[in-house]
Structure formats: C-alpha cells, structure tokens
C-alpha cells in the first residue's frame, strides 16, 4: 500500500485553510495510506482513524504511547484541541459537528 507521511504539514495555517488541507488529505487517503501528525482540530477531524500520541517520562527513560481513539474519545480529543484545558458542552458539540461534517 503506498503511504504518505506528513509531519505537521499544517504549521503556520489555521481556520478555513486548515479545513481545506484536512479535506485534501482525506481525499488522498481514498487511494493510499496517509499518516499525518497534526495539532489542528480541523485536520484531525478529517481522519478516518485517529491516534493520540503521548510521552511518558520515567526516572531513567521516556516512552511514547499510541492510543487509537474511537467514538467519544475522538470527540473529547477534538474538543481538547479546540478548547484547551477546560472543556464545555459547547466545545464538545462543536467537535462532534466537525467530525460529522468530515464524514460527508
């Protein structure tokens, strides 16, 4: 399977442009595998599958953890990307709307 990897392809953009970039990445994914590292909810919402990457610091080492996000977890993560530390029902609703729009 052909694979494209984009590491923060969305640096320096935001808003509507980020949504367009996410949409183009989603279209690319219809014919090949696309792996995209992003901090933008507009791009993340377009993904068919979303993984969360986190760093765990131990006493003598650092570990990277990948977690596949499903359903409600995706809403929570997109909301976190949108709203920061404090999440509200409105932020979660906006995240859910973004995910639903991406599926259409």
PDB file of N, CA and C in Angstrom:
ATOM      1  N   UNK A   1       0.849  -1.179   0.000  1.00  0.00           N
ATOM      2  CA  UNK A   1       0.000   0.000   0.000  1.00  0.00           C
ATOM      3  C   UNK A   1       0.894   1.241   0.000  1.00  0.00           C
ATOM      4  N   UNK A   2       0.737   2.121  -0.980  1.00  0.00           N
ATOM      5  CA  UNK A   2       1.501   3.368  -0.965  1.00  0.00           C
ATOM      6  C   UNK A   2       1.155   4.186   0.282  1.00  0.00           C
ATOM      7  N   UNK A   3       2.167   4.770   0.885  1.00  0.00           N
ATOM      8  CA  UNK A   3       1.977   5.520   2.126  1.00  0.00           C
ATOM      9  C   UNK A   3       2.618   6.891   2.021  1.00  0.00           C
ATOM     10  N   UNK A   4       1.876   7.912   2.448  1.00  0.00           N
ATOM     11  CA  UNK A   4       2.396   9.276   2.543  1.00  0.00           C
ATOM     12  C   UNK A   4       2.430   9.659   4.017  1.00  0.00           C
ATOM     13  N   UNK A   5       3.531  10.258   4.463  1.00  0.00           N
ATOM     14  CA  UNK A   5       3.658  10.702   5.848  1.00  0.00           C
ATOM     15  C   UNK A   5       3.841  12.214   5.846  1.00  0.00           C
ATOM     16  N   UNK A   6       2.993  12.900   6.597  1.00  0.00           N
ATOM     17  CA  UNK A   6       3.063  14.355   6.736  1.00  0.00           C
ATOM     18  C   UNK A   6       3.275  14.681   8.209  1.00  0.00           C
ATOM     19  N   UNK A   7       4.397  15.304   8.512  1.00  0.00           N
ATOM     20  CA  UNK A   7       4.694  15.694   9.888  1.00  0.00           C
ATOM     21  C   UNK A   7       4.411  17.180  10.041  1.00  0.00           C
ATOM     22  N   UNK A   8       3.301  17.482  10.655  1.00  0.00           N
ATOM     23  CA  UNK A   8       2.862  18.861  10.896  1.00  0.00           C
ATOM     24  C   UNK A   8       2.840  19.683   9.604  1.00  0.00           C
ATOM     25  N   UNK A   9       2.204  19.115   8.585  1.00  0.00           N
ATOM     26  CA  UNK A   9       2.055  19.777   7.293  1.00  0.00           C
ATOM     27  C   UNK A   9       1.279  21.084   7.437  1.00  0.00           C
ATOM     28  N   UNK A  10       0.575  21.228   8.557  1.00  0.00           N
ATOM     29  CA  UNK A  10      -0.303  22.371   8.785  1.00  0.00           C
ATOM     30  C   UNK A  10       0.329  23.491   9.614  1.00  0.00           C
ATOM     31  N   UNK A  11       1.637  23.476   9.784  1.00  0.00           N
ATOM     32  CA  UNK A  11       2.306  24.530  10.552  1.00  0.00           C
ATOM     33  C   UNK A  11       2.087  25.876   9.868  1.00  0.00           C
ATOM     34  N   UNK A  12       1.693  26.867  10.642  1.00  0.00           N
ATOM     35  CA  UNK A  12       1.536  28.224  10.117  1.00  0.00           C
ATOM     36  C   UNK A  12       0.193  28.504   9.472  1.00  0.00           C
ATOM     37  N   UNK A  13      -0.718  27.543   9.518  1.00  0.00           N
ATOM     38  CA  UNK A  13      -2.049  27.787   8.967  1.00  0.00           C
ATOM     39  C   UNK A  13      -3.084  27.565  10.062  1.00  0.00           C
ATOM     40  N   UNK A  14      -4.300  27.892   9.783  1.00  0.00           N
ATOM     41  CA  UNK A  14      -5.377  27.677  10.748  1.00  0.00           C
ATOM     42  C   UNK A  14      -6.711  27.925  10.080  1.00  0.00           C
ATOM     43  N   UNK A  15      -7.771  27.805  10.862  1.00  0.00           N
ATOM     44  CA  UNK A  15      -9.116  28.118  10.399  1.00  0.00           C
ATOM     45  C   UNK A  15      -9.523  27.405   9.136  1.00  0.00           C
ATOM     46  N   UNK A  16     -10.054  28.183   8.206  1.00  0.00           N
ATOM     47  CA  UNK A  16     -10.577  27.641   6.958  1.00  0.00           C
ATOM     48  C   UNK A  16      -9.529  26.953   6.107  1.00  0.00           C
ATOM     49  N   UNK A  17      -8.315  27.496   6.093  1.00  0.00           N
ATOM     50  CA  UNK A  17      -7.242  26.879   5.303  1.00  0.00           C
ATOM     51  C   UNK A  17      -6.911  25.498   5.866  1.00  0.00           C
ATOM     52  N   UNK A  18      -6.897  25.374   7.197  1.00  0.00           N
ATOM     53  CA  UNK A  18      -6.629  24.074   7.822  1.00  0.00           C
ATOM     54  C   UNK A  18      -7.708  23.066   7.447  1.00  0.00           C
ATOM     55  N   UNK A  19      -8.938  23.518   7.374  1.00  0.00           N
ATOM     56  CA  UNK A  19     -10.037  22.633   6.981  1.00  0.00           C
ATOM     57  C   UNK A  19      -9.852  22.151   5.545  1.00  0.00           C
ATOM     58  N   UNK A  20      -9.425  23.041   4.661  1.00  0.00           N
ATOM     59  CA  UNK A  20      -9.180  22.674   3.260  1.00  0.00           C
ATOM     60  C   UNK A  20      -8.028  21.672   3.173  1.00  0.00           C
ATOM     61  N   UNK A  21      -6.946  21.922   3.914  1.00  0.00           N
ATOM     62  CA  UNK A  21      -5.811  20.989   3.925  1.00  0.00           C
ATOM     63  C   UNK A  21      -6.271  19.619   4.421  1.00  0.00           C
ATOM     64  N   UNK A  22      -7.043  19.600   5.505  1.00  0.00           N
ATOM     65  CA  UNK A  22      -7.566  18.338   6.029  1.00  0.00           C
ATOM     66  C   UNK A  22      -8.413  17.607   5.012  1.00  0.00           C
ATOM     67  N   UNK A  23      -9.233  18.347   4.289  1.00  0.00           N
ATOM     68  CA  UNK A  23     -10.087  17.754   3.262  1.00  0.00           C
ATOM     69  C   UNK A  23      -9.247  17.138   2.142  1.00  0.00           C
ATOM     70  N   UNK A  24      -8.191  17.830   1.734  1.00  0.00           N
ATOM     71  CA  UNK A  24      -7.307  17.294   0.692  1.00  0.00           C
ATOM     72  C   UNK A  24      -6.587  16.035   1.177  1.00  0.00           C
ATOM     73  N   UNK A  25      -6.165  16.035   2.428  1.00  0.00           N
ATOM     74  CA  UNK A  25      -5.516  14.842   2.982  1.00  0.00           C
ATOM     75  C   UNK A  25      -6.492  13.671   3.006  1.00  0.00           C
ATOM     76  N   UNK A  26      -7.738  13.946   3.355  1.00  0.00           N
ATOM     77  CA  UNK A  26      -8.771  12.895   3.376  1.00  0.00           C
ATOM     78  C   UNK A  26      -8.975  12.313   1.974  1.00  0.00           C
ATOM     79  N   UNK A  27      -8.989  13.188   0.951  1.00  0.00           N
ATOM     80  CA  UNK A  27      -9.134  12.714  -0.430  1.00  0.00           C
ATOM     81  C   UNK A  27      -7.940  11.844  -0.834  1.00  0.00           C
ATOM     82  N   UNK A  28      -6.736  12.266  -0.445  1.00  0.00           N
ATOM     83  CA  UNK A  28      -5.548  11.461  -0.733  1.00  0.00           C
ATOM     84  C   UNK A  28      -5.676  10.068  -0.122  1.00  0.00           C
ATOM     85  N   UNK A  29      -6.278  10.007   1.055  1.00  0.00           N
ATOM     86  CA  UNK A  29      -6.406   8.740   1.779  1.00  0.00           C
ATOM     87  C   UNK A  29      -7.373   7.770   1.111  1.00  0.00           C
ATOM     88  N   UNK A  30      -8.102   8.226   0.113  1.00  0.00           N
ATOM     89  CA  UNK A  30      -9.012   7.307  -0.583  1.00  0.00           C
ATOM     90  C   UNK A  30      -8.254   6.383  -1.534  1.00  0.00           C
ATOM     91  N   UNK A  31      -7.024   6.747  -1.888  1.00  0.00           N
ATOM     92  CA  UNK A  31      -6.245   5.926  -2.817  1.00  0.00           C
ATOM     93  C   UNK A  31      -4.929   5.418  -2.232  1.00  0.00           C
ATOM     94  N   UNK A  32      -4.569   5.897  -1.051  1.00  0.00           N
ATOM     95  CA  UNK A  32      -3.330   5.474  -0.404  1.00  0.00           C
ATOM     96  C   UNK A  32      -3.425   5.726   1.090  1.00  0.00           C
ATOM     97  N   UNK A  33      -2.495   5.154   1.810  1.00  0.00           N
ATOM     98  CA  UNK A  33      -2.471   5.377   3.255  1.00  0.00           C
ATOM     99  C   UNK A  33      -1.814   6.720   3.542  1.00  0.00           C
ATOM    100  N   UNK A  34      -2.441   7.520   4.399  1.00  0.00           N
ATOM    101  CA  UNK A  34      -1.898   8.821   4.785  1.00  0.00           C
ATOM    102  C   UNK A  34      -1.713   8.831   6.296  1.00  0.00           C
ATOM    103  N   UNK A  35      -0.511   9.131   6.720  1.00  0.00           N
ATOM    104  CA  UNK A  35      -0.216   9.314   8.139  1.00  0.00           C
ATOM    105  C   UNK A  35       0.126  10.781   8.313  1.00  0.00           C
ATOM    106  N   UNK A  36      -0.604  11.452   9.190  1.00  0.00           N
ATOM    107  CA  UNK A  36      -0.431  12.893   9.356  1.00  0.00           C
ATOM    108  C   UNK A  36      -0.344  13.236  10.839  1.00  0.00           C
ATOM    109  N   UNK A  37       0.726  13.895  11.228  1.00  0.00           N
ATOM    110  CA  UNK A  37       0.866  14.395  12.594  1.00  0.00           C
ATOM    111  C   UNK A  37       0.363  15.832  12.578  1.00  0.00           C
ATOM    112  N   UNK A  38      -0.599  16.132  13.446  1.00  0.00           N
ATOM    113  CA  UNK A  38      -1.196  17.466  13.460  1.00  0.00           C
ATOM    114  C   UNK A  38      -1.566  17.888  14.870  1.00  0.00           C
ATOM    115  N   UNK A  39      -1.628  19.185  15.063  1.00  0.00           N
ATOM    116  CA  UNK A  39      -2.131  19.765  16.310  1.00  0.00           C
ATOM    117  C   UNK A  39      -3.418  20.538  16.053  1.00  0.00           C
ATOM    118  N   UNK A  40      -3.904  20.491  14.818  1.00  0.00           N
ATOM    119  CA  UNK A  40      -5.087  21.265  14.451  1.00  0.00           C
ATOM    120  C   UNK A  40      -6.334  20.387  14.398  1.00  0.00           C
ATOM    121  N   UNK A  41      -7.387  20.794  15.100  1.00  0.00           N
ATOM    122  CA  UNK A  41      -8.619  20.005  15.090  1.00  0.00           C
ATOM    123  C   UNK A  41      -9.257  19.924  13.706  1.00  0.00           C
ATOM    124  N   UNK A  42      -9.081  20.963  12.889  1.00  0.00           N
ATOM    125  CA  UNK A  42      -9.668  20.964  11.549  1.00  0.00           C
ATOM    126  C   UNK A  42      -9.069  19.856  10.687  1.00  0.00           C
ATOM    127  N   UNK A  43      -7.809  19.538  10.904  1.00  0.00           N
ATOM    128  CA  UNK A  43      -7.147  18.463  10.156  1.00  0.00           C
ATOM    129  C   UNK A  43      -7.478  17.113  10.788  1.00  0.00           C
ATOM    130  N   UNK A  44      -7.365  17.022  12.105  1.00  0.00           N
ATOM    131  CA  UNK A  44      -7.619  15.757  12.811  1.00  0.00           C
ATOM    132  C   UNK A  44      -9.041  15.251  12.581  1.00  0.00           C
ATOM    133  N   UNK A  45      -9.994  16.153  12.502  1.00  0.00           N
ATOM    134  CA  UNK A  45     -11.396  15.758  12.323  1.00  0.00           C
ATOM    135  C   UNK A  45     -11.627  15.056  10.986  1.00  0.00           C
ATOM    136  N   UNK A  46     -10.771  15.294  10.013  1.00  0.00           N
ATOM    137  CA  UNK A  46     -10.932  14.695   8.685  1.00  0.00           C
ATOM    138  C   UNK A  46     -10.444  13.250   8.611  1.00  0.00           C
ATOM    139  N   UNK A  47      -9.745  12.794   9.627  1.00  0.00           N
ATOM    140  CA  UNK A  47      -9.133  11.461   9.592  1.00  0.00           C
ATOM    141  C   UNK A  47     -10.171  10.345   9.639  1.00  0.00           C
ATOM    142  N   UNK A  48      -9.858   9.255   8.957  1.00  0.00           N
ATOM    143  CA  UNK A  48     -10.675   8.045   9.057  1.00  0.00           C
ATOM    144  C   UNK A  48     -10.386   7.337  10.374  1.00  0.00           C
ATOM    145  N   UNK A  49      -9.153   7.445  10.829  1.00  0.00           N
ATOM    146  CA  UNK A  49      -8.721   6.836  12.084  1.00  0.00           C
ATOM    147  C   UNK A  49      -7.822   7.846  12.785  1.00  0.00           C
ATOM    148  N   UNK A  50      -7.975   7.957  14.102  1.00  0.00           N
ATOM    149  CA  UNK A  50      -7.197   8.941  14.848  1.00  0.00           C
ATOM    150  C   UNK A  50      -6.464   8.259  15.991  1.00  0.00           C
ATOM    151  N   UNK A  51      -5.167   8.545  16.067  1.00  0.00           N
ATOM    152  CA  UNK A  51      -4.335   8.044  17.153  1.00  0.00           C
ATOM    153  C   UNK A  51      -3.854   9.227  17.979  1.00  0.00           C
ATOM    154  N   UNK A  52      -3.810   9.046  19.276  1.00  0.00           N
ATOM    155  CA  UNK A  52      -3.269  10.071  20.166  1.00  0.00           C
ATOM    156  C   UNK A  52      -1.866   9.624  20.566  1.00  0.00           C
ATOM    157  N   UNK A  53      -0.909  10.522  20.437  1.00  0.00           N
ATOM    158  CA  UNK A  53       0.472  10.243  20.817  1.00  0.00           C
ATOM    159  C   UNK A  53       0.752  10.984  22.108  1.00  0.00           C
ATOM    160  N   UNK A  54       1.271  10.268  23.094  1.00  0.00           N
ATOM    161  CA  UNK A  54       1.640  10.926  24.350  1.00  0.00           C
ATOM    162  C   UNK A  54       2.999  10.420  24.799  1.00  0.00           C
ATOM    163  N   UNK A  55       3.687  11.277  25.516  1.00  0.00           N
ATOM    164  CA  UNK A  55       5.013  10.976  26.016  1.00  0.00           C
ATOM    165  C   UNK A  55       4.926  10.700  27.506  1.00  0.00           C
ATOM    166  N   UNK A  56       5.528   9.615  27.948  1.00  0.00           N
ATOM    167  CA  UNK A  56       5.556   9.252  29.362  1.00  0.00           C
ATOM    168  C   UNK A  56       7.003   9.301  29.835  1.00  0.00           C
ATOM    169  N   UNK A  57       7.268  10.159  30.816  1.00  0.00           N
ATOM    170  CA  UNK A  57       8.623  10.298  31.350  1.00  0.00           C
ATOM    171  C   UNK A  57       8.780   9.437  32.596  1.00  0.00           C
ATOM    172  N   UNK A  58       9.749   8.539  32.560  1.00  0.00           N
ATOM    173  CA  UNK A  58      10.089   7.737  33.724  1.00  0.00           C
ATOM    174  C   UNK A  58      11.342   8.293  34.366  1.00  0.00           C
ATOM    175  N   UNK A  59      11.801   7.625  35.393  1.00  0.00           N
ATOM    176  CA  UNK A  59      13.006   8.073  36.094  1.00  0.00           C
ATOM    177  C   UNK A  59      14.217   8.072  35.164  1.00  0.00           C
ATOM    178  N   UNK A  60      14.362   6.999  34.396  1.00  0.00           N
ATOM    179  CA  UNK A  60      15.542   6.850  33.548  1.00  0.00           C
ATOM    180  C   UNK A  60      15.246   6.811  32.053  1.00  0.00           C
ATOM    181  N   UNK A  61      13.981   6.942  31.687  1.00  0.00           N
ATOM    182  CA  UNK A  61      13.651   6.819  30.271  1.00  0.00           C
ATOM    183  C   UNK A  61      12.364   7.565  29.935  1.00  0.00           C
ATOM    184  N   UNK A  62      12.164   7.720  28.653  1.00  0.00           N
ATOM    185  CA  UNK A  62      10.940   8.320  28.132  1.00  0.00           C
ATOM    186  C   UNK A  62      10.315   7.328  27.159  1.00  0.00           C
ATOM    187  N   UNK A  63       9.010   7.153  27.262  1.00  0.00           N
ATOM    188  CA  UNK A  63       8.293   6.226  26.388  1.00  0.00           C
ATOM    189  C   UNK A  63       7.211   6.985  25.626  1.00  0.00           C
ATOM    190  N   UNK A  64       6.985   6.553  24.420  1.00  0.00           N
ATOM    191  CA  UNK A  64       5.917   7.103  23.599  1.00  0.00           C
ATOM    192  C   UNK A  64       4.761   6.106  23.617  1.00  0.00           C
ATOM    193  N   UNK A  65       3.560   6.622  23.788  1.00  0.00           N
ATOM    194  CA  UNK A  65       2.377   5.769  23.828  1.00  0.00           C
ATOM    195  C   UNK A  65       1.409   6.197  22.729  1.00  0.00           C
ATOM    196  N   UNK A  66       0.950   5.238  21.945  1.00  0.00           N
ATOM    197  CA  UNK A  66      -0.050   5.483  20.902  1.00  0.00           C
ATOM    198  C   UNK A  66      -1.359   4.848  21.336  1.00  0.00           C
ATOM    199  N   UNK A  67      -2.432   5.629  21.258  1.00  0.00           N
ATOM    200  CA  UNK A  67      -3.748   5.128  21.626  1.00  0.00           C
ATOM    201  C   UNK A  67      -4.721   5.426  20.495  1.00  0.00           C
ATOM    202  N   UNK A  68      -5.393   4.385  19.998  1.00  0.00           N
ATOM    203  CA  UNK A  68      -6.418   4.618  18.984  1.00  0.00           C
ATOM    204  C   UNK A  68      -7.640   5.217  19.662  1.00  0.00           C
ATOM    205  N   UNK A  69      -8.123   6.312  19.105  1.00  0.00           N
ATOM    206  CA  UNK A  69      -9.298   6.983  19.652  1.00  0.00           C
ATOM    207  C   UNK A  69     -10.534   6.533  18.881  1.00  0.00           C
ATOM    208  N   UNK A  70     -11.572   6.199  19.619  1.00  0.00           N
ATOM    209  CA  UNK A  70     -12.813   5.778  18.981  1.00  0.00           C
ATOM    210  C   UNK A  70     -13.965   6.608  19.534  1.00  0.00           C
ATOM    211  N   UNK A  71     -14.950   6.817  18.706  1.00  0.00           N
ATOM    212  CA  UNK A  71     -16.219   7.472  19.049  1.00  0.00           C
ATOM    213  C   UNK A  71     -16.052   8.639  20.015  1.00  0.00           C
ATOM    214  N   UNK A  72     -16.485   8.457  21.248  1.00  0.00           N
ATOM    215  CA  UNK A  72     -16.487   9.533  22.248  1.00  0.00           C
ATOM    216  C   UNK A  72     -15.081  10.059  22.524  1.00  0.00           C
ATOM    217  N   UNK A  73     -14.080   9.185  22.443  1.00  0.00           N
ATOM    218  CA  UNK A  73     -12.698   9.622  22.664  1.00  0.00           C
ATOM    219  C   UNK A  73     -12.270  10.628  21.599  1.00  0.00           C
ATOM    220  N   UNK A  74     -12.713  10.416  20.369  1.00  0.00           N
ATOM    221  CA  UNK A  74     -12.377  11.368  19.299  1.00  0.00           C
ATOM    222  C   UNK A  74     -13.022  12.719  19.565  1.00  0.00           C
ATOM    223  N   UNK A  75     -14.269  12.692  20.010  1.00  0.00           N
ATOM    224  CA  UNK A  75     -14.954  13.950  20.330  1.00  0.00           C
ATOM    225  C   UNK A  75     -14.188  14.683  21.420  1.00  0.00           C
ATOM    226  N   UNK A  76     -13.789  13.965  22.465  1.00  0.00           N
ATOM    227  CA  UNK A  76     -13.056  14.583  23.577  1.00  0.00           C
ATOM    228  C   UNK A  76     -11.721  15.164  23.116  1.00  0.00           C
ATOM    229  N   UNK A  77     -10.999  14.443  22.267  1.00  0.00           N
ATOM    230  CA  UNK A  77      -9.693  14.920  21.813  1.00  0.00           C
ATOM    231  C   UNK A  77      -9.831  16.121  20.882  1.00  0.00           C
ATOM    232  N   UNK A  78     -10.778  16.078  19.963  1.00  0.00           N
ATOM    233  CA  UNK A  78     -11.002  17.234  19.085  1.00  0.00           C
ATOM    234  C   UNK A  78     -11.429  18.430  19.931  1.00  0.00           C
ATOM    235  N   UNK A  79     -12.281  18.211  20.911  1.00  0.00           N
ATOM    236  CA  UNK A  79     -12.709  19.295  21.809  1.00  0.00           C
ATOM    237  C   UNK A  79     -11.519  19.859  22.570  1.00  0.00           C
ATOM    238  N   UNK A  80     -10.626  18.989  23.032  1.00  0.00           N
ATOM    239  CA  UNK A  80      -9.425  19.450  23.739  1.00  0.00           C
ATOM    240  C   UNK A  80      -8.552  20.297  22.817  1.00  0.00           C
ATOM    241  N   UNK A  81      -8.434  19.863  21.567  1.00  0.00           N
ATOM    242  CA  UNK A  81      -7.650  20.615  20.592  1.00  0.00           C
ATOM    243  C   UNK A  81      -8.285  21.979  20.325  1.00  0.00           C
ATOM    244  N   UNK A  82      -9.602  22.029  20.354  1.00  0.00           N
ATOM    245  CA  UNK A  82     -10.328  23.283  20.135  1.00  0.00           C
ATOM    246  C   UNK A  82     -10.266  24.216  21.337  1.00  0.00           C
ATOM    247  N   UNK A  83     -10.479  23.645  22.531  1.00  0.00           N
ATOM    248  CA  UNK A  83     -10.739  24.486  23.691  1.00  0.00           C
ATOM    249  C   UNK A  83      -9.715  24.511  24.788  1.00  0.00           C
ATOM    250  N   UNK A  84      -8.681  23.715  24.702  1.00  0.00           N
ATOM    251  CA  UNK A  84      -7.668  23.750  25.738  1.00  0.00           C
ATOM    252  C   UNK A  84      -8.020  22.932  26.959  1.00  0.00           C
ATOM    253  N   UNK A  85      -7.699  23.461  28.135  1.00  0.00           N
ATOM    254  CA  UNK A  85      -7.808  22.711  29.389  1.00  0.00           C
ATOM    255  C   UNK A  85      -9.248  22.486  29.814  1.00  0.00           C
ATOM    256  N   UNK A  86     -10.064  23.530  29.767  1.00  0.00           N
ATOM    257  CA  UNK A  86     -11.450  23.422  30.228  1.00  0.00           C
ATOM    258  C   UNK A  86     -12.367  23.134  29.046  1.00  0.00           C
ATOM    259  N   UNK A  87     -13.024  21.975  29.088  1.00  0.00           N
ATOM    260  CA  UNK A  87     -13.934  21.600  28.010  1.00  0.00           C
ATOM    261  C   UNK A  87     -15.366  21.854  28.443  1.00  0.00           C
ATOM    262  N   UNK A  88     -16.139  22.421  27.539  1.00  0.00           N
ATOM    263  CA  UNK A  88     -17.548  22.696  27.819  1.00  0.00           C
ATOM    264  C   UNK A  88     -18.419  21.848  26.900  1.00  0.00           C
ATOM    265  N   UNK A  89     -19.703  21.821  27.196  1.00  0.00           N
ATOM    266  CA  UNK A  89     -20.637  21.105  26.323  1.00  0.00           C
ATOM    267  C   UNK A  89     -20.631  21.703  24.923  1.00  0.00           C
ATOM    268  N   UNK A  90     -20.467  23.023  24.833  1.00  0.00           N
ATOM    269  CA  UNK A  90     -20.430  23.682  23.522  1.00  0.00           C
ATOM    270  C   UNK A  90     -19.194  23.254  22.735  1.00  0.00           C
ATOM    271  N   UNK A  91     -18.066  23.138  23.429  1.00  0.00           N
ATOM    272  CA  UNK A  91     -16.840  22.706  22.755  1.00  0.00           C
ATOM    273  C   UNK A  91     -16.999  21.279  22.247  1.00  0.00           C
ATOM    274  N   UNK A  92     -17.560  20.420  23.074  1.00  0.00           N
ATOM    275  CA  UNK A  92     -17.789  19.027  22.670  1.00  0.00           C
ATOM    276  C   UNK A  92     -18.771  18.954  21.494  1.00  0.00           C
ATOM    277  N   UNK A  93     -19.802  19.782  21.537  1.00  0.00           N
ATOM    278  CA  UNK A  93     -20.782  19.815  20.457  1.00  0.00           C
ATOM    279  C   UNK A  93     -20.124  20.258  19.151  1.00  0.00           C
ATOM    280  N   UNK A  94     -19.265  21.261  19.235  1.00  0.00           N
ATOM    281  CA  UNK A  94     -18.544  21.738  18.055  1.00  0.00           C
ATOM    282  C   UNK A  94     -17.640  20.633  17.507  1.00  0.00           C
ATOM    283  N   UNK A  95     -16.957  19.920  18.399  1.00  0.00           N
ATOM    284  CA  UNK A  95     -16.089  18.822  17.976  1.00  0.00           C
ATOM    285  C   UNK A  95     -16.896  17.740  17.265  1.00  0.00           C
ATOM    286  N   UNK A  96     -18.038  17.392  17.822  1.00  0.00           N
ATOM    287  CA  UNK A  96     -18.893  16.374  17.209  1.00  0.00           C
ATOM    288  C   UNK A  96     -19.370  16.836  15.832  1.00  0.00           C
ATOM    289  N   UNK A  97     -19.731  18.102  15.731  1.00  0.00           N
ATOM    290  CA  UNK A  97     -20.166  18.653  14.446  1.00  0.00           C
ATOM    291  C   UNK A  97     -19.039  18.581  13.415  1.00  0.00           C
ATOM    292  N   UNK A  98     -17.811  18.899  13.826  1.00  0.00           N
ATOM    293  CA  UNK A  98     -16.671  18.827  12.909  1.00  0.00           C
ATOM    294  C   UNK A  98     -16.468  17.398  12.402  1.00  0.00           C
ATOM    295  N   UNK A  99     -16.569  16.434  13.299  1.00  0.00           N
ATOM    296  CA  UNK A  99     -16.403  15.033  12.910  1.00  0.00           C
ATOM    297  C   UNK A  99     -17.513  14.582  11.964  1.00  0.00           C
ATOM    298  N   UNK A 100     -18.741  14.992  12.235  1.00  0.00           N
ATOM    299  CA  UNK A 100     -19.868  14.630  11.370  1.00  0.00           C
ATOM    300  C   UNK A 100     -19.720  15.252   9.987  1.00  0.00           C
ATOM    301  N   UNK A 101     -19.317  16.516   9.924  1.00  0.00           N
ATOM    302  CA  UNK A 101     -19.141  17.186   8.635  1.00  0.00           C
ATOM    303  C   UNK A 101     -18.038  16.524   7.812  1.00  0.00           C
ATOM    304  N   UNK A 102     -17.000  16.056   8.483  1.00  0.00           N
ATOM    305  CA  UNK A 102     -15.889  15.413   7.772  1.00  0.00           C
ATOM    306  C   UNK A 102     -16.324  14.111   7.107  1.00  0.00           C
ATOM    307  N   UNK A 103     -17.330  13.453   7.665  1.00  0.00           N
ATOM    308  CA  UNK A 103     -17.801  12.182   7.116  1.00  0.00           C
ATOM    309  C   UNK A 103     -18.654  12.373   5.866  1.00  0.00           C
ATOM    310  N   UNK A 104     -19.118  13.582   5.618  1.00  0.00           N
ATOM    311  CA  UNK A 104     -19.982  13.852   4.454  1.00  0.00           C
ATOM    312  C   UNK A 104     -19.185  14.234   3.238  1.00  0.00           C
TER     313      UNK A 104
END
